[in-house]
Amino acid sequence: MISYNLYTYLAVAGALLCFGLYGLMQHRSLIGMLISTELILNGAGLNFMAFNRFLAPDPAIGQVFALFIMGLAAAEAAIAVSLIFAVYRKYHTSDPERVNDLRG
């Protein structure tokens, strides 16, 4: 049986953070940036659950924070998708570099 410790979870969460940051910098579409942001939030949620599992005296603390992050990610996704649809409807592109005029 494989033994998992806190450092294993932190390494996976760090990898998710790095992949998310790399995706934010390299993606050319707004949807790719949204997915990269979700990776970053998943890494943060994994950190909370790992610290909850190994260090927290009360097991509900990390779970509440992880649920808060999941709710925040869902709200961010809903708002971002609606903004992406609005930008695409106005500019007929999902390339963030081609959208240079964001006034009315």
PDB file of N, CA and C in Angstrom:
ATOM      1  N   MET A   1       0.840  -1.182   0.000  1.00  0.00           N
ATOM      2  CA  MET A   1       0.000   0.000   0.000  1.00  0.00           C
ATOM      3  C   MET A   1       0.885   1.245   0.000  1.00  0.00           C
ATOM      4  N   ILE A   2       0.486   2.234  -0.753  1.00  0.00           N
ATOM      5  CA  ILE A   2       1.270   3.465  -0.871  1.00  0.00           C
ATOM      6  C   ILE A   2       0.944   4.380   0.300  1.00  0.00           C
ATOM      7  N   SER A   3       1.965   4.929   0.920  1.00  0.00           N
ATOM      8  CA  SER A   3       1.782   5.841   2.036  1.00  0.00           C
ATOM      9  C   SER A   3       1.828   7.280   1.526  1.00  0.00           C
ATOM     10  N   TYR A   4       0.751   8.001   1.727  1.00  0.00           N
ATOM     11  CA  TYR A   4       0.687   9.399   1.328  1.00  0.00           C
ATOM     12  C   TYR A   4       0.899  10.268   2.560  1.00  0.00           C
ATOM     13  N   ASN A   5       1.714  11.294   2.394  1.00  0.00           N
ATOM     14  CA  ASN A   5       1.888  12.242   3.478  1.00  0.00           C
ATOM     15  C   ASN A   5       1.555  13.643   2.973  1.00  0.00           C
ATOM     16  N   LEU A   6       1.730  14.616   3.847  1.00  0.00           N
ATOM     17  CA  LEU A   6       1.362  15.987   3.508  1.00  0.00           C
ATOM     18  C   LEU A   6       2.148  16.504   2.308  1.00  0.00           C
ATOM     19  N   TYR A   7       3.400  16.144   2.202  1.00  0.00           N
ATOM     20  CA  TYR A   7       4.244  16.653   1.118  1.00  0.00           C
ATOM     21  C   TYR A   7       3.791  16.151  -0.256  1.00  0.00           C
ATOM     22  N   THR A   8       3.211  14.981  -0.303  1.00  0.00           N
ATOM     23  CA  THR A   8       2.692  14.464  -1.567  1.00  0.00           C
ATOM     24  C   THR A   8       1.543  15.332  -2.065  1.00  0.00           C
ATOM     25  N   TYR A   9       0.621  15.645  -1.149  1.00  0.00           N
ATOM     26  CA  TYR A   9      -0.513  16.490  -1.522  1.00  0.00           C
ATOM     27  C   TYR A   9      -0.067  17.899  -1.889  1.00  0.00           C
ATOM     28  N   LEU A  10       0.901  18.429  -1.154  1.00  0.00           N
ATOM     29  CA  LEU A  10       1.392  19.774  -1.463  1.00  0.00           C
ATOM     30  C   LEU A  10       2.106  19.805  -2.810  1.00  0.00           C
ATOM     31  N   ALA A  11       2.788  18.737  -3.156  1.00  0.00           N
ATOM     32  CA  ALA A  11       3.459  18.675  -4.460  1.00  0.00           C
ATOM     33  C   ALA A  11       2.432  18.645  -5.595  1.00  0.00           C
ATOM     34  N   VAL A  12       1.370  17.875  -5.423  1.00  0.00           N
ATOM     35  CA  VAL A  12       0.316  17.839  -6.451  1.00  0.00           C
ATOM     36  C   VAL A  12      -0.377  19.190  -6.556  1.00  0.00           C
ATOM     37  N   ALA A  13      -0.651  19.821  -5.422  1.00  0.00           N
ATOM     38  CA  ALA A  13      -1.283  21.146  -5.437  1.00  0.00           C
ATOM     39  C   ALA A  13      -0.361  22.181  -6.079  1.00  0.00           C
ATOM     40  N   GLY A  14       0.928  22.089  -5.807  1.00  0.00           N
ATOM     41  CA  GLY A  14       1.889  22.994  -6.451  1.00  0.00           C
ATOM     42  C   GLY A  14       1.951  22.778  -7.951  1.00  0.00           C
ATOM     43  N   ALA A  15       1.868  21.518  -8.372  1.00  0.00           N
ATOM     44  CA  ALA A  15       1.857  21.232  -9.808  1.00  0.00           C
ATOM     45  C   ALA A  15       0.602  21.808 -10.463  1.00  0.00           C
ATOM     46  N   LEU A  16      -0.553  21.686  -9.803  1.00  0.00           N
ATOM     47  CA  LEU A  16      -1.783  22.283 -10.337  1.00  0.00           C
ATOM     48  C   LEU A  16      -1.656  23.799 -10.446  1.00  0.00           C
ATOM     49  N   LEU A  17      -1.049  24.415  -9.433  1.00  0.00           N
ATOM     50  CA  LEU A  17      -0.834  25.861  -9.471  1.00  0.00           C
ATOM     51  C   LEU A  17       0.078  26.243 -10.632  1.00  0.00           C
ATOM     52  N   CYS A  18       1.158  25.514 -10.819  1.00  0.00           N
ATOM     53  CA  CYS A  18       2.096  25.817 -11.913  1.00  0.00           C
ATOM     54  C   CYS A  18       1.448  25.621 -13.278  1.00  0.00           C
ATOM     55  N   PHE A  19       0.691  24.522 -13.443  1.00  0.00           N
ATOM     56  CA  PHE A  19      -0.002  24.304 -14.716  1.00  0.00           C
ATOM     57  C   PHE A  19      -1.030  25.401 -14.969  1.00  0.00           C
ATOM     58  N   GLY A  20      -1.716  25.831 -13.923  1.00  0.00           N
ATOM     59  CA  GLY A  20      -2.701  26.901 -14.081  1.00  0.00           C
ATOM     60  C   GLY A  20      -2.067  28.229 -14.459  1.00  0.00           C
ATOM     61  N   LEU A  21      -0.963  28.568 -13.799  1.00  0.00           N
ATOM     62  CA  LEU A  21      -0.273  29.816 -14.137  1.00  0.00           C
ATOM     63  C   LEU A  21       0.300  29.776 -15.554  1.00  0.00           C
ATOM     64  N   TYR A  22       0.875  28.630 -15.928  1.00  0.00           N
ATOM     65  CA  TYR A  22       1.391  28.480 -17.283  1.00  0.00           C
ATOM     66  C   TYR A  22       0.260  28.605 -18.305  1.00  0.00           C
ATOM     67  N   GLY A  23      -0.874  27.995 -18.003  1.00  0.00           N
ATOM     68  CA  GLY A  23      -2.020  28.084 -18.906  1.00  0.00           C
ATOM     69  C   GLY A  23      -2.552  29.499 -19.037  1.00  0.00           C
ATOM     70  N   LEU A  24      -2.558  30.251 -17.934  1.00  0.00           N
ATOM     71  CA  LEU A  24      -3.010  31.644 -18.009  1.00  0.00           C
ATOM     72  C   LEU A  24      -2.102  32.481 -18.899  1.00  0.00           C
ATOM     73  N   MET A  25      -0.806  32.190 -18.854  1.00  0.00           N
ATOM     74  CA  MET A  25       0.124  32.981 -19.652  1.00  0.00           C
ATOM     75  C   MET A  25       0.172  32.553 -21.113  1.00  0.00           C
ATOM     76  N   GLN A  26      -0.103  31.290 -21.411  1.00  0.00           N
ATOM     77  CA  GLN A  26       0.094  30.780 -22.759  1.00  0.00           C
ATOM     78  C   GLN A  26      -1.164  30.651 -23.605  1.00  0.00           C
ATOM     79  N   HIS A  27      -2.336  30.547 -22.985  1.00  0.00           N
ATOM     80  CA  HIS A  27      -3.545  30.337 -23.781  1.00  0.00           C
ATOM     81  C   HIS A  27      -3.921  31.593 -24.545  1.00  0.00           C
ATOM     82  N   ARG A  28      -4.414  31.376 -25.739  1.00  0.00           N
ATOM     83  CA  ARG A  28      -4.813  32.483 -26.596  1.00  0.00           C
ATOM     84  C   ARG A  28      -6.326  32.670 -26.630  1.00  0.00           C
ATOM     85  N   SER A  29      -7.058  31.850 -25.897  1.00  0.00           N
ATOM     86  CA  SER A  29      -8.509  32.001 -25.887  1.00  0.00           C
ATOM     87  C   SER A  29      -8.990  32.243 -24.461  1.00  0.00           C
ATOM     88  N   LEU A  30     -10.138  32.868 -24.355  1.00  0.00           N
ATOM     89  CA  LEU A  30     -10.683  33.162 -23.045  1.00  0.00           C
ATOM     90  C   LEU A  30     -11.133  31.894 -22.322  1.00  0.00           C
ATOM     91  N   ILE A  31     -11.604  30.900 -23.053  1.00  0.00           N
ATOM     92  CA  ILE A  31     -12.023  29.648 -22.440  1.00  0.00           C
ATOM     93  C   ILE A  31     -10.815  28.921 -21.832  1.00  0.00           C
ATOM     94  N   GLY A  32      -9.681  28.933 -22.526  1.00  0.00           N
ATOM     95  CA  GLY A  32      -8.468  28.331 -21.981  1.00  0.00           C
ATOM     96  C   GLY A  32      -8.014  29.025 -20.713  1.00  0.00           C
ATOM     97  N   MET A  33      -8.163  30.338 -20.662  1.00  0.00           N
ATOM     98  CA  MET A  33      -7.815  31.079 -19.456  1.00  0.00           C
ATOM     99  C   MET A  33      -8.752  30.730 -18.305  1.00  0.00           C
ATOM    100  N   LEU A  34     -10.017  30.512 -18.625  1.00  0.00           N
ATOM    101  CA  LEU A  34     -10.982  30.120 -17.602  1.00  0.00           C
ATOM    102  C   LEU A  34     -10.629  28.747 -17.029  1.00  0.00           C
ATOM    103  N   ILE A  35     -10.274  27.812 -17.880  1.00  0.00           N
ATOM    104  CA  ILE A  35      -9.896  26.474 -17.416  1.00  0.00           C
ATOM    105  C   ILE A  35      -8.623  26.537 -16.569  1.00  0.00           C
ATOM    106  N   SER A  36      -7.688  27.389 -16.939  1.00  0.00           N
ATOM    107  CA  SER A  36      -6.459  27.537 -16.158  1.00  0.00           C
ATOM    108  C   SER A  36      -6.756  28.134 -14.783  1.00  0.00           C
ATOM    109  N   THR A  37      -7.688  29.051 -14.712  1.00  0.00           N
ATOM    110  CA  THR A  37      -8.087  29.612 -13.424  1.00  0.00           C
ATOM    111  C   THR A  37      -8.719  28.541 -12.549  1.00  0.00           C
ATOM    112  N   GLU A  38      -9.492  27.653 -13.155  1.00  0.00           N
ATOM    113  CA  GLU A  38     -10.079  26.547 -12.399  1.00  0.00           C
ATOM    114  C   GLU A  38      -8.994  25.624 -11.843  1.00  0.00           C
ATOM    115  N   LEU A  39      -7.924  25.406 -12.596  1.00  0.00           N
ATOM    116  CA  LEU A  39      -6.814  24.591 -12.093  1.00  0.00           C
ATOM    117  C   LEU A  39      -6.172  25.233 -10.857  1.00  0.00           C
ATOM    118  N   ILE A  40      -6.011  26.538 -10.894  1.00  0.00           N
ATOM    119  CA  ILE A  40      -5.434  27.238  -9.746  1.00  0.00           C
ATOM    120  C   ILE A  40      -6.333  27.100  -8.525  1.00  0.00           C
ATOM    121  N   LEU A  41      -7.642  27.261  -8.711  1.00  0.00           N
ATOM    122  CA  LEU A  41      -8.558  27.125  -7.583  1.00  0.00           C
ATOM    123  C   LEU A  41      -8.614  25.687  -7.065  1.00  0.00           C
ATOM    124  N   ASN A  42      -8.478  24.701  -7.951  1.00  0.00           N
ATOM    125  CA  ASN A  42      -8.438  23.309  -7.501  1.00  0.00           C
ATOM    126  C   ASN A  42      -7.179  23.035  -6.680  1.00  0.00           C
ATOM    127  N   GLY A  43      -6.075  23.638  -7.056  1.00  0.00           N
ATOM    128  CA  GLY A  43      -4.850  23.502  -6.266  1.00  0.00           C
ATOM    129  C   GLY A  43      -5.014  24.103  -4.874  1.00  0.00           C
ATOM    130  N   ALA A  44      -5.691  25.236  -4.785  1.00  0.00           N
ATOM    131  CA  ALA A  44      -5.931  25.852  -3.478  1.00  0.00           C
ATOM    132  C   ALA A  44      -6.851  24.980  -2.629  1.00  0.00           C
ATOM    133  N   GLY A  45      -7.882  24.416  -3.237  1.00  0.00           N
ATOM    134  CA  GLY A  45      -8.776  23.528  -2.503  1.00  0.00           C
ATOM    135  C   GLY A  45      -8.069  22.277  -2.011  1.00  0.00           C
ATOM    136  N   LEU A  46      -7.170  21.741  -2.826  1.00  0.00           N
ATOM    137  CA  LEU A  46      -6.398  20.570  -2.414  1.00  0.00           C
ATOM    138  C   LEU A  46      -5.484  20.903  -1.242  1.00  0.00           C
ATOM    139  N   ASN A  47      -4.912  22.093  -1.244  1.00  0.00           N
ATOM    140  CA  ASN A  47      -4.089  22.516  -0.104  1.00  0.00           C
ATOM    141  C   ASN A  47      -4.906  22.555   1.177  1.00  0.00           C
ATOM    142  N   PHE A  48      -6.091  23.138   1.116  1.00  0.00           N
ATOM    143  CA  PHE A  48      -6.933  23.207   2.308  1.00  0.00           C
ATOM    144  C   PHE A  48      -7.297  21.817   2.817  1.00  0.00           C
ATOM    145  N   MET A  49      -7.639  20.919   1.895  1.00  0.00           N
ATOM    146  CA  MET A  49      -8.013  19.569   2.332  1.00  0.00           C
ATOM    147  C   MET A  49      -6.805  18.799   2.874  1.00  0.00           C
ATOM    148  N   ALA A  50      -5.627  19.024   2.319  1.00  0.00           N
ATOM    149  CA  ALA A  50      -4.430  18.344   2.824  1.00  0.00           C
ATOM    150  C   ALA A  50      -4.088  18.830   4.233  1.00  0.00           C
ATOM    151  N   PHE A  51      -4.123  20.141   4.436  1.00  0.00           N
ATOM    152  CA  PHE A  51      -3.851  20.657   5.774  1.00  0.00           C
ATOM    153  C   PHE A  51      -4.935  20.233   6.755  1.00  0.00           C
ATOM    154  N   ASN A  52      -6.165  20.118   6.274  1.00  0.00           N
ATOM    155  CA  ASN A  52      -7.256  19.648   7.107  1.00  0.00           C
ATOM    156  C   ASN A  52      -7.007  18.205   7.538  1.00  0.00           C
ATOM    157  N   ARG A  53      -6.530  17.396   6.635  1.00  0.00           N
ATOM    158  CA  ARG A  53      -6.333  15.972   6.911  1.00  0.00           C
ATOM    159  C   ARG A  53      -5.180  15.738   7.877  1.00  0.00           C
ATOM    160  N   PHE A  54      -4.111  16.505   7.735  1.00  0.00           N
ATOM    161  CA  PHE A  54      -2.906  16.204   8.496  1.00  0.00           C
ATOM    162  C   PHE A  54      -2.656  17.122   9.694  1.00  0.00           C
ATOM    163  N   LEU A  55      -3.149  18.361   9.678  1.00  0.00           N
ATOM    164  CA  LEU A  55      -2.746  19.303  10.721  1.00  0.00           C
ATOM    165  C   LEU A  55      -3.881  19.900  11.529  1.00  0.00           C
ATOM    166  N   ALA A  56      -5.102  19.906  11.030  1.00  0.00           N
ATOM    167  CA  ALA A  56      -6.181  20.631  11.698  1.00  0.00           C
ATOM    168  C   ALA A  56      -6.732  19.843  12.881  1.00  0.00           C
ATOM    169  N   PRO A  57      -6.963  20.534  13.996  1.00  0.00           N
ATOM    170  CA  PRO A  57      -7.569  19.850  15.139  1.00  0.00           C
ATOM    171  C   PRO A  57      -9.067  19.567  14.914  1.00  0.00           C
ATOM    172  N   ASP A  58      -9.733  20.444  14.177  1.00  0.00           N
ATOM    173  CA  ASP A  58     -11.152  20.258  13.876  1.00  0.00           C
ATOM    174  C   ASP A  58     -11.284  19.912  12.397  1.00  0.00           C
ATOM    175  N   PRO A  59     -11.831  18.755  12.053  1.00  0.00           N
ATOM    176  CA  PRO A  59     -11.866  18.349  10.634  1.00  0.00           C
ATOM    177  C   PRO A  59     -12.809  19.182   9.770  1.00  0.00           C
ATOM    178  N   ALA A  60     -13.650  19.989  10.371  1.00  0.00           N
ATOM    179  CA  ALA A  60     -14.599  20.765   9.575  1.00  0.00           C
ATOM    180  C   ALA A  60     -13.982  22.042   8.998  1.00  0.00           C
ATOM    181  N   ILE A  61     -12.875  22.479   9.533  1.00  0.00           N
ATOM    182  CA  ILE A  61     -12.299  23.761   9.116  1.00  0.00           C
ATOM    183  C   ILE A  61     -11.880  23.732   7.648  1.00  0.00           C
ATOM    184  N   GLY A  62     -11.068  22.775   7.268  1.00  0.00           N
ATOM    185  CA  GLY A  62     -10.604  22.679   5.883  1.00  0.00           C
ATOM    186  C   GLY A  62     -11.727  22.360   4.923  1.00  0.00           C
ATOM    187  N   GLN A  63     -12.715  21.585   5.382  1.00  0.00           N
ATOM    188  CA  GLN A  63     -13.838  21.249   4.520  1.00  0.00           C
ATOM    189  C   GLN A  63     -14.686  22.477   4.216  1.00  0.00           C
ATOM    190  N   VAL A  64     -14.866  23.339   5.200  1.00  0.00           N
ATOM    191  CA  VAL A  64     -15.635  24.576   4.974  1.00  0.00           C
ATOM    192  C   VAL A  64     -14.902  25.465   3.979  1.00  0.00           C
ATOM    193  N   PHE A  65     -13.596  25.593   4.137  1.00  0.00           N
ATOM    194  CA  PHE A  65     -12.825  26.406   3.195  1.00  0.00           C
ATOM    195  C   PHE A  65     -12.841  25.796   1.792  1.00  0.00           C
ATOM    196  N   ALA A  66     -12.748  24.490   1.693  1.00  0.00           N
ATOM    197  CA  ALA A  66     -12.788  23.835   0.383  1.00  0.00           C
ATOM    198  C   ALA A  66     -14.154  24.023  -0.281  1.00  0.00           C
ATOM    199  N   LEU A  67     -15.224  23.928   0.488  1.00  0.00           N
ATOM    200  CA  LEU A  67     -16.560  24.181  -0.067  1.00  0.00           C
ATOM    201  C   LEU A  67     -16.715  25.637  -0.508  1.00  0.00           C
ATOM    202  N   PHE A  68     -16.128  26.552   0.256  1.00  0.00           N
ATOM    203  CA  PHE A  68     -16.155  27.960  -0.131  1.00  0.00           C
ATOM    204  C   PHE A  68     -15.413  28.166  -1.455  1.00  0.00           C
ATOM    205  N   ILE A  69     -14.269  27.518  -1.627  1.00  0.00           N
ATOM    206  CA  ILE A  69     -13.506  27.627  -2.873  1.00  0.00           C
ATOM    207  C   ILE A  69     -14.294  27.026  -4.036  1.00  0.00           C
ATOM    208  N   MET A  70     -14.974  25.906  -3.798  1.00  0.00           N
ATOM    209  CA  MET A  70     -15.785  25.299  -4.860  1.00  0.00           C
ATOM    210  C   MET A  70     -16.926  26.215  -5.270  1.00  0.00           C
ATOM    211  N   GLY A  71     -17.575  26.856  -4.299  1.00  0.00           N
ATOM    212  CA  GLY A  71     -18.631  27.815  -4.616  1.00  0.00           C
ATOM    213  C   GLY A  71     -18.102  29.026  -5.355  1.00  0.00           C
ATOM    214  N   LEU A  72     -16.938  29.498  -4.944  1.00  0.00           N
ATOM    215  CA  LEU A  72     -16.307  30.622  -5.626  1.00  0.00           C
ATOM    216  C   LEU A  72     -15.943  30.255  -7.059  1.00  0.00           C
ATOM    217  N   ALA A  73     -15.452  29.041  -7.271  1.00  0.00           N
ATOM    218  CA  ALA A  73     -15.095  28.595  -8.618  1.00  0.00           C
ATOM    219  C   ALA A  73     -16.340  28.484  -9.498  1.00  0.00           C
ATOM    220  N   ALA A  74     -17.436  28.005  -8.939  1.00  0.00           N
ATOM    221  CA  ALA A  74     -18.668  27.894  -9.723  1.00  0.00           C
ATOM    222  C   ALA A  74     -19.198  29.275 -10.097  1.00  0.00           C
ATOM    223  N   ALA A  75     -19.172  30.205  -9.162  1.00  0.00           N
ATOM    224  CA  ALA A  75     -19.633  31.568  -9.460  1.00  0.00           C
ATOM    225  C   ALA A  75     -18.711  32.235 -10.479  1.00  0.00           C
ATOM    226  N   GLU A  76     -17.408  32.027 -10.330  1.00  0.00           N
ATOM    227  CA  GLU A  76     -16.450  32.606 -11.282  1.00  0.00           C
ATOM    228  C   GLU A  76     -16.664  32.039 -12.681  1.00  0.00           C
ATOM    229  N   ALA A  77     -16.937  30.756 -12.764  1.00  0.00           N
ATOM    230  CA  ALA A  77     -17.162  30.142 -14.076  1.00  0.00           C
ATOM    231  C   ALA A  77     -18.434  30.682 -14.728  1.00  0.00           C
ATOM    232  N   ALA A  78     -19.485  30.835 -13.953  1.00  0.00           N
ATOM    233  CA  ALA A  78     -20.738  31.346 -14.513  1.00  0.00           C
ATOM    234  C   ALA A  78     -20.581  32.784 -15.008  1.00  0.00           C
ATOM    235  N   ILE A  79     -19.935  33.618 -14.230  1.00  0.00           N
ATOM    236  CA  ILE A  79     -19.745  35.016 -14.632  1.00  0.00           C
ATOM    237  C   ILE A  79     -18.792  35.108 -15.814  1.00  0.00           C
ATOM    238  N   ALA A  80     -17.712  34.334 -15.785  1.00  0.00           N
ATOM    239  CA  ALA A  80     -16.737  34.387 -16.880  1.00  0.00           C
ATOM    240  C   ALA A  80     -17.340  33.901 -18.193  1.00  0.00           C
ATOM    241  N   VAL A  81     -18.135  32.842 -18.161  1.00  0.00           N
ATOM    242  CA  VAL A  81     -18.745  32.351 -19.396  1.00  0.00           C
ATOM    243  C   VAL A  81     -19.728  33.386 -19.952  1.00  0.00           C
ATOM    244  N   SER A  82     -20.480  34.048 -19.082  1.00  0.00           N
ATOM    245  CA  SER A  82     -21.396  35.078 -19.584  1.00  0.00           C
ATOM    246  C   SER A  82     -20.629  36.258 -20.171  1.00  0.00           C
ATOM    247  N   LEU A  83     -19.503  36.628 -19.566  1.00  0.00           N
ATOM    248  CA  LEU A  83     -18.685  37.709 -20.136  1.00  0.00           C
ATOM    249  C   LEU A  83     -18.055  37.288 -21.457  1.00  0.00           C
ATOM    250  N   ILE A  84     -17.629  36.040 -21.553  1.00  0.00           N
ATOM    251  CA  ILE A  84     -17.045  35.547 -22.804  1.00  0.00           C
ATOM    252  C   ILE A  84     -18.091  35.575 -23.914  1.00  0.00           C
ATOM    253  N   PHE A  85     -19.326  35.168 -23.601  1.00  0.00           N
ATOM    254  CA  PHE A  85     -20.394  35.226 -24.601  1.00  0.00           C
ATOM    255  C   PHE A  85     -20.671  36.660 -25.043  1.00  0.00           C
ATOM    256  N   ALA A  86     -20.667  37.601 -24.087  1.00  0.00           N
ATOM    257  CA  ALA A  86     -20.915  38.998 -24.431  1.00  0.00           C
ATOM    258  C   ALA A  86     -19.797  39.561 -25.307  1.00  0.00           C
ATOM    259  N   VAL A  87     -18.547  39.236 -24.986  1.00  0.00           N
ATOM    260  CA  VAL A  87     -17.417  39.712 -25.789  1.00  0.00           C
ATOM    261  C   VAL A  87     -17.469  39.085 -27.174  1.00  0.00           C
ATOM    262  N   TYR A  88     -17.790  37.798 -27.255  1.00  0.00           N
ATOM    263  CA  TYR A  88     -17.848  37.140 -28.559  1.00  0.00           C
ATOM    264  C   TYR A  88     -18.981  37.711 -29.411  1.00  0.00           C
ATOM    265  N   ARG A  89     -20.107  38.019 -28.773  1.00  0.00           N
ATOM    266  CA  ARG A  89     -21.239  38.580 -29.515  1.00  0.00           C
ATOM    267  C   ARG A  89     -20.896  39.961 -30.085  1.00  0.00           C
ATOM    268  N   LYS A  90     -20.114  40.737 -29.333  1.00  0.00           N
ATOM    269  CA  LYS A  90     -19.785  42.088 -29.796  1.00  0.00           C
ATOM    270  C   LYS A  90     -18.611  42.098 -30.781  1.00  0.00           C
ATOM    271  N   TYR A  91     -17.565  41.308 -30.522  1.00  0.00           N
ATOM    272  CA  TYR A  91     -16.338  41.386 -31.320  1.00  0.00           C
ATOM    273  C   TYR A  91     -16.143  40.207 -32.271  1.00  0.00           C
ATOM    274  N   HIS A  92     -16.960  39.183 -32.178  1.00  0.00           N
ATOM    275  CA  HIS A  92     -16.893  38.000 -33.049  1.00  0.00           C
ATOM    276  C   HIS A  92     -15.541  37.289 -32.981  1.00  0.00           C
ATOM    277  N   THR A  93     -14.937  37.278 -31.792  1.00  0.00           N
ATOM    278  CA  THR A  93     -13.691  36.554 -31.577  1.00  0.00           C
ATOM    279  C   THR A  93     -13.576  36.191 -30.099  1.00  0.00           C
ATOM    280  N   SER A  94     -12.835  35.120 -29.823  1.00  0.00           N
ATOM    281  CA  SER A  94     -12.551  34.775 -28.434  1.00  0.00           C
ATOM    282  C   SER A  94     -11.070  34.969 -28.112  1.00  0.00           C
ATOM    283  N   ASP A  95     -10.344  35.635 -29.003  1.00  0.00           N
ATOM    284  CA  ASP A  95      -8.927  35.927 -28.794  1.00  0.00           C
ATOM    285  C   ASP A  95      -8.810  37.195 -27.948  1.00  0.00           C
ATOM    286  N   PRO A  96      -8.241  37.104 -26.755  1.00  0.00           N
ATOM    287  CA  PRO A  96      -8.173  38.296 -25.904  1.00  0.00           C
ATOM    288  C   PRO A  96      -7.268  39.390 -26.450  1.00  0.00           C
ATOM    289  N   GLU A  97      -6.318  39.053 -27.308  1.00  0.00           N
ATOM    290  CA  GLU A  97      -5.439  40.081 -27.871  1.00  0.00           C
ATOM    291  C   GLU A  97      -6.143  40.911 -28.948  1.00  0.00           C
ATOM    292  N   ARG A  98      -7.157  40.349 -29.584  1.00  0.00           N
ATOM    293  CA  ARG A  98      -7.864  41.085 -30.639  1.00  0.00           C
ATOM    294  C   ARG A  98      -8.961  41.978 -30.077  1.00  0.00           C
ATOM    295  N   VAL A  99      -9.303  41.778 -28.812  1.00  0.00           N
ATOM    296  CA  VAL A  99     -10.305  42.612 -28.163  1.00  0.00           C
ATOM    297  C   VAL A  99      -9.557  43.751 -27.465  1.00  0.00           C
ATOM    298  N   ASN A 100      -9.448  44.869 -28.138  1.00  0.00           N
ATOM    299  CA  ASN A 100      -8.672  45.963 -27.570  1.00  0.00           C
ATOM    300  C   ASN A 100      -9.523  47.153 -27.164  1.00  0.00           C
ATOM    301  N   ASP A 101     -10.752  47.214 -27.608  1.00  0.00           N
ATOM    302  CA  ASP A 101     -11.633  48.316 -27.251  1.00  0.00           C
ATOM    303  C   ASP A 101     -12.749  47.782 -26.374  1.00  0.00           C
ATOM    304  N   LEU A 102     -12.673  48.047 -25.084  1.00  0.00           N
ATOM    305  CA  LEU A 102     -13.684  47.528 -24.165  1.00  0.00           C
ATOM    306  C   LEU A 102     -14.665  48.608 -23.722  1.00  0.00           C
ATOM    307  N   ARG A 103     -14.701  49.727 -24.418  1.00  0.00           N
ATOM    308  CA  ARG A 103     -15.680  50.754 -24.085  1.00  0.00           C
ATOM    309  C   ARG A 103     -16.973  50.481 -24.832  1.00  0.00           C
ATOM    310  N   GLY A 104     -18.092  50.793 -24.142  1.00  0.00           N
ATOM    311  CA  GLY A 104     -19.453  50.690 -24.591  1.00  0.00           C
ATOM    312  C   GLY A 104     -19.699  50.239 -25.932  1.00  0.00           C
TER     313      GLY A 104
END
